[in-house]
N, C-alpha and C. Protein backbone atom coordinates (compact mmCIF):
# COMPACT_ATOMS: atom_id res chain seq x y z
N MET A 1 -3.46 -8.32 22.82
CA MET A 1 -2.37 -7.62 22.76
C MET A 1 -1.06 -7.74 22.16
N ASP A 2 -0.20 -7.12 21.52
CA ASP A 2 1.10 -7.59 21.12
C ASP A 2 2.02 -6.89 22.34
N ASP A 3 2.55 -7.98 23.03
CA ASP A 3 3.62 -7.46 24.06
C ASP A 3 4.81 -7.03 23.83
N ARG A 4 5.17 -6.74 22.48
CA ARG A 4 6.30 -5.97 21.91
C ARG A 4 5.93 -4.69 21.62
N ARG A 5 4.75 -4.13 22.00
CA ARG A 5 4.49 -2.92 21.34
C ARG A 5 5.39 -1.70 21.66
N PRO A 6 5.75 -0.71 20.97
CA PRO A 6 7.05 0.08 21.33
C PRO A 6 6.35 1.05 22.28
N ASN A 7 7.26 1.66 22.95
CA ASN A 7 6.64 2.50 24.03
C ASN A 7 6.27 4.07 23.14
N TRP A 8 7.02 4.35 22.30
CA TRP A 8 6.60 5.49 21.48
C TRP A 8 5.11 5.73 21.08
N ILE A 9 4.64 4.25 20.82
CA ILE A 9 2.84 4.44 20.66
C ILE A 9 2.12 5.35 21.68
N ASN A 10 2.74 5.22 22.84
CA ASN A 10 1.74 5.95 23.88
C ASN A 10 1.72 7.40 23.70
N ASN A 11 2.77 7.91 22.94
CA ASN A 11 2.50 9.30 22.79
C ASN A 11 1.48 9.55 21.70
N TYR A 12 0.93 8.73 21.08
CA TYR A 12 -0.06 9.29 20.25
C TYR A 12 -1.63 8.62 20.51
N LEU A 13 -1.73 8.26 22.33
CA LEU A 13 -2.76 7.87 22.23
C LEU A 13 -3.67 9.31 23.08
N LEU A 14 -5.08 9.09 22.76
CA LEU A 14 -5.86 10.14 23.36
C LEU A 14 -6.33 9.57 24.88
N ALA A 15 -6.76 10.64 25.70
CA ALA A 15 -7.12 10.16 26.92
C ALA A 15 -8.18 9.31 26.72
N ASP A 16 -8.38 8.36 27.74
CA ASP A 16 -9.19 7.26 27.81
C ASP A 16 -9.01 6.16 26.67
N GLU A 17 -7.75 5.98 26.06
CA GLU A 17 -7.76 5.49 24.74
C GLU A 17 -6.53 4.26 25.37
N TYR A 18 -6.74 3.31 24.80
CA TYR A 18 -5.76 1.76 24.83
C TYR A 18 -5.79 1.01 24.02
N VAL A 19 -4.51 0.62 23.83
CA VAL A 19 -4.14 -0.79 22.62
C VAL A 19 -4.82 -1.91 22.83
N LEU A 20 -5.56 -2.21 21.97
CA LEU A 20 -6.36 -3.60 21.63
C LEU A 20 -5.34 -4.73 21.36
N TRP A 21 -4.42 -3.97 19.86
CA TRP A 21 -3.89 -4.84 18.99
C TRP A 21 -2.60 -4.16 18.34
N ASN A 22 -1.41 -4.37 18.29
CA ASN A 22 -0.78 -3.83 17.26
C ASN A 22 0.48 -4.78 16.52
N GLY A 23 0.46 -4.70 15.43
CA GLY A 23 1.19 -5.25 14.41
C GLY A 23 1.76 -4.59 13.38
N ARG A 24 2.46 -5.61 12.53
CA ARG A 24 3.02 -4.90 11.39
C ARG A 24 2.52 -5.84 9.98
N PRO A 25 2.69 -5.32 8.59
CA PRO A 25 2.23 -6.35 7.77
C PRO A 25 3.19 -7.34 7.61
N GLY A 26 2.86 -8.38 6.78
CA GLY A 26 3.71 -9.47 6.56
C GLY A 26 4.39 -9.20 5.14
N ASN A 27 5.44 -9.87 4.93
CA ASN A 27 6.41 -9.55 3.72
C ASN A 27 5.74 -10.13 2.38
N GLY A 28 4.89 -11.01 2.39
CA GLY A 28 4.39 -11.74 1.24
C GLY A 28 3.27 -10.94 0.82
N TYR A 29 2.65 -11.37 -0.54
CA TYR A 29 1.58 -11.05 -1.19
C TYR A 29 1.85 -9.40 -1.61
N LEU A 30 3.08 -9.07 -2.54
CA LEU A 30 2.86 -7.81 -2.98
C LEU A 30 2.01 -7.57 -4.07
N CYS A 31 1.61 -8.45 -4.59
CA CYS A 31 0.49 -8.15 -5.60
C CYS A 31 -0.90 -8.45 -5.01
N ASN A 32 -2.02 -7.41 -5.71
CA ASN A 32 -3.20 -7.63 -5.29
C ASN A 32 -4.22 -7.59 -6.43
N LYS A 33 -5.13 -7.92 -6.25
CA LYS A 33 -6.17 -8.28 -7.41
C LYS A 33 -6.17 -6.91 -8.34
N TYR A 34 -5.89 -6.06 -7.87
CA TYR A 34 -5.75 -5.07 -9.10
C TYR A 34 -4.73 -4.74 -10.00
N ASP A 35 -3.67 -5.48 -9.55
CA ASP A 35 -2.48 -5.75 -10.61
C ASP A 35 -2.65 -6.13 -11.87
N ILE A 36 -4.07 -7.15 -11.95
CA ILE A 36 -4.39 -7.69 -13.20
C ILE A 36 -4.43 -6.56 -14.13
N PHE A 37 -4.54 -5.31 -13.81
CA PHE A 37 -4.56 -4.13 -14.60
C PHE A 37 -3.11 -3.55 -14.68
N MET A 38 -2.69 -3.31 -13.65
CA MET A 38 -1.48 -2.31 -13.79
C MET A 38 -0.31 -3.33 -14.46
N ILE A 39 -0.07 -4.40 -14.05
CA ILE A 39 0.83 -5.32 -14.60
C ILE A 39 1.12 -5.55 -15.90
N PRO A 40 0.25 -5.66 -16.92
CA PRO A 40 0.08 -5.69 -18.37
C PRO A 40 0.49 -4.22 -18.98
N PHE A 41 -0.40 -3.21 -18.40
CA PHE A 41 0.04 -1.92 -18.66
C PHE A 41 1.43 -1.58 -18.40
N SER A 42 1.92 -1.65 -17.33
CA SER A 42 3.39 -1.34 -17.12
C SER A 42 4.11 -2.04 -17.62
N ILE A 43 4.09 -3.31 -17.89
CA ILE A 43 4.90 -3.87 -19.31
C ILE A 43 5.09 -3.35 -20.51
N MET A 44 3.77 -3.07 -20.88
CA MET A 44 3.48 -2.54 -22.17
C MET A 44 4.27 -0.89 -22.23
N TRP A 45 3.94 -0.33 -21.18
CA TRP A 45 4.76 1.28 -21.15
C TRP A 45 6.12 1.02 -21.23
N CYS A 46 6.88 0.18 -20.42
CA CYS A 46 8.05 -0.13 -20.21
C CYS A 46 8.65 -0.58 -21.47
N GLY A 47 8.01 -1.44 -22.19
CA GLY A 47 8.54 -2.12 -23.54
C GLY A 47 8.95 -1.21 -24.27
N GLY A 48 7.67 -0.36 -24.83
CA GLY A 48 7.62 0.56 -25.63
C GLY A 48 8.24 1.57 -25.64
N VAL A 49 8.64 2.23 -24.47
CA VAL A 49 9.47 3.45 -24.30
C VAL A 49 10.97 2.89 -24.41
N ILE A 50 11.19 1.60 -23.60
CA ILE A 50 12.71 1.03 -23.90
C ILE A 50 12.58 0.86 -25.62
N PHE A 51 12.04 0.23 -26.40
CA PHE A 51 11.95 0.39 -27.87
C PHE A 51 12.39 1.58 -28.60
N TRP A 52 11.78 2.56 -28.15
CA TRP A 52 11.68 3.87 -28.77
C TRP A 52 12.96 4.62 -28.25
N GLU A 53 13.44 4.52 -27.19
CA GLU A 53 14.73 4.86 -26.75
C GLU A 53 16.19 4.37 -27.29
N ILE A 54 15.61 3.03 -27.47
CA ILE A 54 16.82 2.34 -28.17
C ILE A 54 16.90 2.67 -29.66
N ASP A 55 15.83 3.08 -30.36
CA ASP A 55 15.48 3.31 -31.86
C ASP A 55 16.43 4.82 -32.00
N VAL A 56 15.91 5.71 -31.01
CA VAL A 56 16.38 6.93 -31.39
C VAL A 56 17.79 7.11 -30.95
N LEU A 57 18.27 6.19 -30.03
CA LEU A 57 19.76 6.10 -29.82
C LEU A 57 20.62 5.44 -30.92
N LYS A 58 20.02 4.55 -31.67
CA LYS A 58 20.49 3.80 -32.67
C LYS A 58 20.48 5.21 -34.14
N ALA A 59 19.41 5.69 -34.27
CA ALA A 59 19.37 6.86 -35.28
C ALA A 59 20.01 7.99 -35.12
N SER A 60 20.94 7.79 -34.09
CA SER A 60 21.99 9.07 -33.77
C SER A 60 20.98 10.64 -33.76
N ALA A 61 20.00 10.04 -33.31
CA ALA A 61 19.04 11.43 -33.13
C ALA A 61 19.63 12.84 -32.44
N PRO A 62 19.26 13.70 -32.72
CA PRO A 62 19.59 14.80 -31.82
C PRO A 62 19.52 14.51 -30.17
N LEU A 63 20.14 15.56 -29.54
CA LEU A 63 20.53 14.96 -27.96
C LEU A 63 18.93 15.21 -27.05
N ILE A 64 18.34 16.30 -27.59
CA ILE A 64 17.03 16.11 -27.21
C ILE A 64 15.92 15.04 -27.14
N PHE A 65 16.26 14.57 -28.49
CA PHE A 65 15.45 13.07 -28.47
C PHE A 65 15.95 11.79 -27.73
N ARG A 66 17.32 11.95 -27.56
CA ARG A 66 17.91 10.95 -26.56
C ARG A 66 17.56 11.28 -25.20
N LEU A 67 17.79 12.21 -24.64
CA LEU A 67 17.25 12.63 -23.68
C LEU A 67 15.59 12.49 -23.05
N TRP A 68 15.04 12.88 -24.13
CA TRP A 68 13.51 13.03 -23.75
C TRP A 68 12.75 11.62 -23.55
N GLY A 69 13.63 10.67 -23.70
CA GLY A 69 12.85 9.31 -23.21
C GLY A 69 13.41 8.73 -22.10
N ILE A 70 14.55 9.27 -21.27
CA ILE A 70 15.01 8.86 -20.24
C ILE A 70 13.99 9.03 -19.10
N PRO A 71 13.07 9.97 -18.84
CA PRO A 71 12.22 9.93 -17.78
C PRO A 71 11.23 9.01 -18.03
N PHE A 72 10.87 8.73 -19.14
CA PHE A 72 9.62 7.65 -19.50
C PHE A 72 9.97 6.37 -19.14
N VAL A 73 11.58 6.21 -19.64
CA VAL A 73 12.06 4.92 -19.33
C VAL A 73 11.98 4.42 -17.83
N CYS A 74 12.36 5.75 -16.85
CA CYS A 74 12.56 5.54 -15.60
C CYS A 74 11.05 5.33 -14.68
N VAL A 75 9.93 5.81 -15.18
CA VAL A 75 8.46 5.82 -14.91
C VAL A 75 8.33 4.03 -15.12
N GLY A 76 8.47 3.93 -16.31
CA GLY A 76 8.25 2.57 -17.03
C GLY A 76 8.97 1.36 -15.96
N LEU A 77 10.35 1.55 -15.83
CA LEU A 77 11.14 0.55 -14.70
C LEU A 77 10.39 0.58 -13.37
N TYR A 78 10.13 1.86 -12.62
CA TYR A 78 9.54 1.91 -11.66
C TYR A 78 8.13 1.15 -11.75
N MET A 79 7.11 1.21 -12.85
CA MET A 79 5.95 0.79 -12.24
C MET A 79 6.07 -0.86 -12.68
N VAL A 80 7.01 -1.33 -13.19
CA VAL A 80 7.30 -2.78 -13.51
C VAL A 80 8.05 -3.28 -12.30
N PHE A 81 9.01 -2.88 -11.74
CA PHE A 81 9.82 -3.40 -10.43
C PHE A 81 9.51 -2.15 -9.24
N GLY A 82 9.96 -1.21 -9.55
CA GLY A 82 10.24 -0.02 -8.50
C GLY A 82 8.87 -0.01 -7.51
N ARG A 83 7.64 -0.20 -7.90
CA ARG A 83 6.59 -0.27 -7.26
C ARG A 83 6.63 -1.44 -6.04
N PHE A 84 7.23 -2.21 -6.43
CA PHE A 84 7.14 -3.65 -5.54
C PHE A 84 8.10 -3.42 -4.30
N ILE A 85 9.26 -2.83 -5.23
CA ILE A 85 10.27 -2.69 -3.96
C ILE A 85 10.11 -1.76 -3.06
N MET A 86 9.56 -0.47 -3.75
CA MET A 86 8.73 0.85 -2.51
C MET A 86 7.89 0.14 -1.60
N LYS A 87 6.89 -0.90 -2.09
CA LYS A 87 5.92 -1.54 -1.23
C LYS A 87 6.53 -2.19 -0.07
N SER A 88 7.27 -3.27 -0.72
CA SER A 88 8.40 -4.08 0.36
C SER A 88 8.91 -3.30 1.49
N TYR A 89 9.70 -1.83 1.03
CA TYR A 89 10.30 -1.09 1.94
C TYR A 89 9.35 -0.75 2.80
N LEU A 90 8.12 0.14 2.50
CA LEU A 90 7.32 0.84 3.29
C LEU A 90 6.57 -0.35 4.20
N ARG A 91 6.45 -1.57 4.10
CA ARG A 91 5.99 -2.62 5.12
C ARG A 91 6.73 -2.60 5.88
N LYS A 92 8.18 -2.80 5.85
CA LYS A 92 9.18 -2.94 6.97
C LYS A 92 9.19 -1.64 7.68
N GLU A 93 8.76 -0.24 7.25
CA GLU A 93 8.58 0.76 8.22
C GLU A 93 7.23 1.23 8.47
N THR A 94 6.31 -0.28 8.66
CA THR A 94 4.92 0.37 8.90
C THR A 94 4.67 -0.23 10.17
N VAL A 95 3.90 0.30 11.13
CA VAL A 95 3.17 -0.24 12.38
C VAL A 95 1.96 0.21 12.34
N TYR A 96 0.83 -0.99 12.57
CA TYR A 96 -0.55 -0.73 12.79
C TYR A 96 -0.90 -0.75 14.27
N VAL A 97 -1.59 0.14 14.80
CA VAL A 97 -2.38 -0.07 16.10
C VAL A 97 -3.75 0.19 16.10
N ILE A 98 -4.35 -0.85 16.87
CA ILE A 98 -5.91 -0.82 16.89
C ILE A 98 -6.03 -0.31 18.56
N THR A 99 -6.57 0.50 18.71
CA THR A 99 -7.21 1.20 19.95
C THR A 99 -8.83 0.90 20.26
N ASN A 100 -9.11 1.31 21.30
CA ASN A 100 -10.70 0.95 21.61
C ASN A 100 -11.25 2.19 21.09
N LYS A 101 -10.49 3.13 20.23
CA LYS A 101 -11.41 4.38 19.54
C LYS A 101 -11.24 4.20 18.13
N ARG A 102 -9.74 4.09 17.62
CA ARG A 102 -9.51 4.25 16.41
C ARG A 102 -8.44 3.30 15.73
N ILE A 103 -8.04 3.59 14.60
CA ILE A 103 -6.96 2.45 13.73
C ILE A 103 -5.93 3.88 13.89
N LEU A 104 -4.37 3.50 14.08
CA LEU A 104 -3.45 4.30 13.66
C LEU A 104 -2.65 3.41 12.94
N SER A 105 -1.93 4.33 11.81
CA SER A 105 -1.06 3.52 11.00
C SER A 105 0.07 4.58 10.81
N PHE A 106 1.33 4.19 11.13
CA PHE A 106 2.59 4.73 11.61
C PHE A 106 3.42 4.11 10.22
N ILE A 107 3.79 5.04 9.00
CA ILE A 107 4.15 4.70 7.98
C ILE A 107 5.32 5.57 7.67
N LYS A 108 6.91 5.34 7.91
CA LYS A 108 7.86 6.29 8.28
C LYS A 108 7.79 7.32 9.29
N ASP A 109 7.41 8.66 8.48
CA ASP A 109 7.01 9.98 9.54
C ASP A 109 5.83 10.12 9.34
N GLN A 110 4.76 9.33 8.47
CA GLN A 110 3.65 9.72 8.51
C GLN A 110 2.72 9.01 9.45
N VAL A 111 1.71 9.76 9.96
CA VAL A 111 0.67 9.10 11.07
C VAL A 111 -0.28 9.31 10.41
N LYS A 112 -1.35 8.11 10.21
CA LYS A 112 -2.73 8.34 9.63
C LYS A 112 -3.74 7.49 10.50
N THR A 113 -5.00 8.11 10.75
CA THR A 113 -5.74 7.63 11.91
C THR A 113 -7.37 7.24 11.26
N ILE A 114 -7.88 6.53 11.62
CA ILE A 114 -9.26 6.58 11.24
C ILE A 114 -10.34 6.21 12.48
N ASP A 115 -11.47 6.76 12.59
CA ASP A 115 -12.54 5.72 13.64
C ASP A 115 -13.21 4.75 13.21
N TYR A 116 -12.73 3.62 13.18
CA TYR A 116 -13.47 2.51 12.50
C TYR A 116 -14.69 2.11 12.65
N HIS A 117 -15.51 2.82 13.97
CA HIS A 117 -16.74 2.98 14.41
C HIS A 117 -17.77 3.24 13.52
N ILE A 118 -17.18 4.40 12.79
CA ILE A 118 -18.21 5.43 11.72
C ILE A 118 -17.60 4.85 10.41
N CYS A 119 -16.81 4.16 10.24
CA CYS A 119 -16.29 4.16 8.75
C CYS A 119 -17.10 3.36 8.08
N PRO A 120 -17.53 3.66 6.66
CA PRO A 120 -18.70 3.23 5.93
C PRO A 120 -18.52 1.97 5.44
N SER A 121 -17.65 1.41 5.04
CA SER A 121 -17.34 0.17 4.44
C SER A 121 -16.08 -0.69 4.59
N ARG A 122 -16.06 -1.39 4.76
CA ARG A 122 -14.67 -2.45 4.87
C ARG A 122 -14.41 -3.50 3.43
N THR A 123 -13.59 -3.47 3.05
CA THR A 123 -13.34 -4.64 1.90
C THR A 123 -12.08 -5.80 2.68
N ILE A 124 -12.35 -6.82 2.93
CA ILE A 124 -11.69 -7.74 3.23
C ILE A 124 -11.10 -8.83 2.24
N THR A 125 -9.72 -8.78 2.12
CA THR A 125 -8.93 -9.82 1.18
C THR A 125 -8.21 -10.89 2.04
N ARG A 126 -8.72 -12.32 1.99
CA ARG A 126 -8.02 -13.24 2.80
C ARG A 126 -7.28 -14.00 1.99
N HIS A 127 -6.12 -14.46 2.59
CA HIS A 127 -5.46 -15.50 1.54
C HIS A 127 -5.19 -16.80 1.97
N SER A 128 -4.68 -17.71 1.42
CA SER A 128 -4.83 -19.35 2.08
C SER A 128 -3.96 -19.58 3.64
N ASP A 129 -3.21 -18.69 3.52
CA ASP A 129 -2.35 -18.63 4.92
C ASP A 129 -2.87 -17.80 6.07
N GLY A 130 -3.87 -17.45 5.75
CA GLY A 130 -4.46 -16.95 7.15
C GLY A 130 -4.50 -15.14 7.17
N SER A 131 -3.38 -14.99 6.25
CA SER A 131 -3.22 -13.40 6.22
C SER A 131 -4.04 -12.49 5.31
N GLY A 132 -4.08 -11.30 5.16
CA GLY A 132 -5.18 -10.68 4.43
C GLY A 132 -5.00 -9.08 4.73
N SER A 133 -5.65 -8.65 4.10
CA SER A 133 -5.84 -7.09 4.09
C SER A 133 -7.56 -6.47 4.38
N ILE A 134 -7.21 -5.60 5.19
CA ILE A 134 -8.69 -4.84 5.38
C ILE A 134 -8.62 -3.23 4.89
N CYS A 135 -9.69 -2.97 4.04
CA CYS A 135 -9.66 -1.78 3.50
C CYS A 135 -11.01 -1.08 4.04
N PHE A 136 -10.82 0.27 4.59
CA PHE A 136 -11.70 0.87 5.02
C PHE A 136 -11.75 2.15 4.22
N SER A 137 -12.93 2.31 3.36
CA SER A 137 -13.29 3.09 2.29
C SER A 137 -14.64 3.47 2.03
N SER A 138 -14.57 5.03 1.69
CA SER A 138 -15.99 5.37 1.12
C SER A 138 -15.99 5.53 -0.55
N SER A 139 -14.95 4.84 -0.73
CA SER A 139 -14.97 5.11 -2.55
C SER A 139 -15.15 3.89 -3.31
N THR A 140 -15.03 4.04 -4.50
CA THR A 140 -15.29 2.72 -5.68
C THR A 140 -14.06 1.83 -5.32
N GLN A 141 -13.93 0.71 -5.72
CA GLN A 141 -13.00 -0.07 -6.04
C GLN A 141 -11.73 0.20 -6.98
N LEU A 142 -12.35 1.00 -8.01
CA LEU A 142 -11.90 1.40 -9.12
C LEU A 142 -10.79 2.14 -9.16
N SER A 143 -10.37 2.96 -7.56
CA SER A 143 -9.74 3.85 -7.55
C SER A 143 -8.52 3.30 -7.04
N TYR A 144 -8.50 1.86 -6.98
CA TYR A 144 -7.09 1.31 -6.60
C TYR A 144 -6.33 1.02 -8.16
N MET A 145 -6.86 1.01 -9.14
CA MET A 145 -6.29 0.71 -10.39
C MET A 145 -5.09 1.31 -10.93
N PHE A 146 -5.10 2.68 -11.15
CA PHE A 146 -4.16 3.37 -11.56
C PHE A 146 -3.09 3.87 -10.48
N ASN A 147 -3.43 3.39 -9.17
CA ASN A 147 -2.32 3.69 -8.36
C ASN A 147 -1.14 2.83 -8.05
N MET A 148 -0.06 3.49 -8.34
CA MET A 148 1.37 2.75 -8.79
C MET A 148 1.74 2.24 -7.44
N PHE A 149 1.48 2.85 -6.41
CA PHE A 149 1.70 1.71 -5.14
C PHE A 149 1.00 0.82 -4.59
N GLY A 150 -0.11 0.51 -5.48
CA GLY A 150 -0.99 -0.73 -4.85
C GLY A 150 -1.89 -0.21 -3.76
N ARG A 151 -2.01 1.01 -3.70
CA ARG A 151 -3.13 1.19 -2.33
C ARG A 151 -3.90 2.04 -2.73
N PRO A 152 -4.93 2.35 -1.95
CA PRO A 152 -5.78 3.36 -1.82
C PRO A 152 -5.58 4.55 -2.68
N SER A 153 -5.84 5.06 -3.68
CA SER A 153 -5.61 6.20 -4.36
C SER A 153 -6.33 7.53 -4.09
N ASN A 154 -7.24 7.62 -2.95
CA ASN A 154 -7.83 8.71 -2.39
C ASN A 154 -7.87 9.05 -1.02
N GLN A 155 -8.10 9.87 -0.50
CA GLN A 155 -7.65 10.26 0.86
C GLN A 155 -8.75 9.77 1.72
N ASP A 156 -9.78 9.16 0.91
CA ASP A 156 -10.89 8.81 2.27
C ASP A 156 -10.55 7.29 2.65
N SER A 157 -9.77 6.68 1.87
CA SER A 157 -9.21 4.87 2.36
C SER A 157 -8.19 4.98 3.48
N PHE A 158 -8.01 3.87 3.93
CA PHE A 158 -7.60 3.61 4.97
C PHE A 158 -7.03 1.92 4.75
N GLU A 159 -6.14 1.28 4.94
CA GLU A 159 -5.87 -0.07 4.72
C GLU A 159 -4.75 -0.70 5.67
N LEU A 160 -5.13 -1.70 6.26
CA LEU A 160 -4.36 -2.41 6.91
C LEU A 160 -3.98 -3.69 5.97
N ASP A 161 -2.69 -3.50 5.50
CA ASP A 161 -2.27 -4.28 4.50
C ASP A 161 -1.35 -5.62 4.64
N ASN A 162 -1.76 -6.69 4.20
CA ASN A 162 -1.12 -8.02 4.60
C ASN A 162 -0.89 -8.33 6.06
N ILE A 163 -2.30 -8.15 6.82
CA ILE A 163 -1.79 -8.58 8.08
C ILE A 163 -2.13 -9.73 8.50
N PRO A 164 -0.84 -10.47 9.08
CA PRO A 164 -0.54 -11.94 9.14
C PRO A 164 -1.78 -12.81 9.72
N ASP A 165 -2.68 -12.07 10.64
CA ASP A 165 -4.07 -12.98 11.25
C ASP A 165 -4.95 -12.06 11.02
N VAL A 166 -5.39 -11.82 9.73
CA VAL A 166 -6.54 -11.32 9.41
C VAL A 166 -7.83 -11.22 10.53
N ASP A 167 -8.06 -12.61 10.48
CA ASP A 167 -9.63 -12.97 11.02
C ASP A 167 -9.31 -12.46 12.59
N ARG A 168 -8.45 -12.30 13.48
CA ARG A 168 -7.97 -12.36 14.47
C ARG A 168 -8.26 -10.55 14.69
N VAL A 169 -7.87 -9.78 13.68
CA VAL A 169 -8.07 -8.20 13.61
C VAL A 169 -9.22 -8.09 13.59
N LEU A 170 -9.66 -8.64 12.32
CA LEU A 170 -11.32 -8.53 12.51
C LEU A 170 -12.16 -8.85 13.32
N GLN A 171 -11.88 -9.77 14.60
CA GLN A 171 -12.90 -9.88 15.70
C GLN A 171 -12.45 -9.09 16.50
N ILE A 172 -11.30 -8.71 16.74
CA ILE A 172 -11.33 -7.30 17.73
C ILE A 172 -11.81 -6.39 17.17
N LEU A 173 -11.82 -6.15 16.00
CA LEU A 173 -12.68 -4.64 15.42
C LEU A 173 -14.11 -4.70 15.78
N SER A 174 -14.55 -6.04 15.67
CA SER A 174 -15.92 -6.37 15.83
C SER A 174 -16.70 -6.48 17.22
N THR A 175 -15.46 -6.69 18.05
CA THR A 175 -15.98 -6.82 19.64
C THR A 175 -15.56 -5.33 20.22
N SER A 176 -15.14 -4.59 19.93
CA SER A 176 -14.73 -3.31 20.41
C SER A 176 -15.47 -2.29 20.00
């Protein structure tokens, strides 16, 4: 167990529940294997709408056409750069807690829980430095493909993202 556990975690524990582990996601590995689809798509989208917007501005088109492309350029820039900035920011605001009964994820003001004893499947991703991610899901892997945050896109998924020592966490999950 991490001795640096914030005291506010105790407010979310159930009766007869105690903390086995708590931690935060690491900073590295912002890309995952599903970005193999998102990165080329986002570059093509962003490049296309930027060229379109430049052509419209050069042609002195009516104001509505000049304004029309701005939201599409913003979406394109978010898909190329912004989603990684957002993911990095959210990781800094995330705390994971594993108890003897469930897993809790605190991301900013959102609390998500899952009973990992009855979760249908786990997908584990390991990196060469020992970090990794654990996704508890009842959905197919393709649900990740079009989510711009690089996270599971349905409500049935729960992820411990980029845990510094994923094998230690897996051992805790399997022994409790």
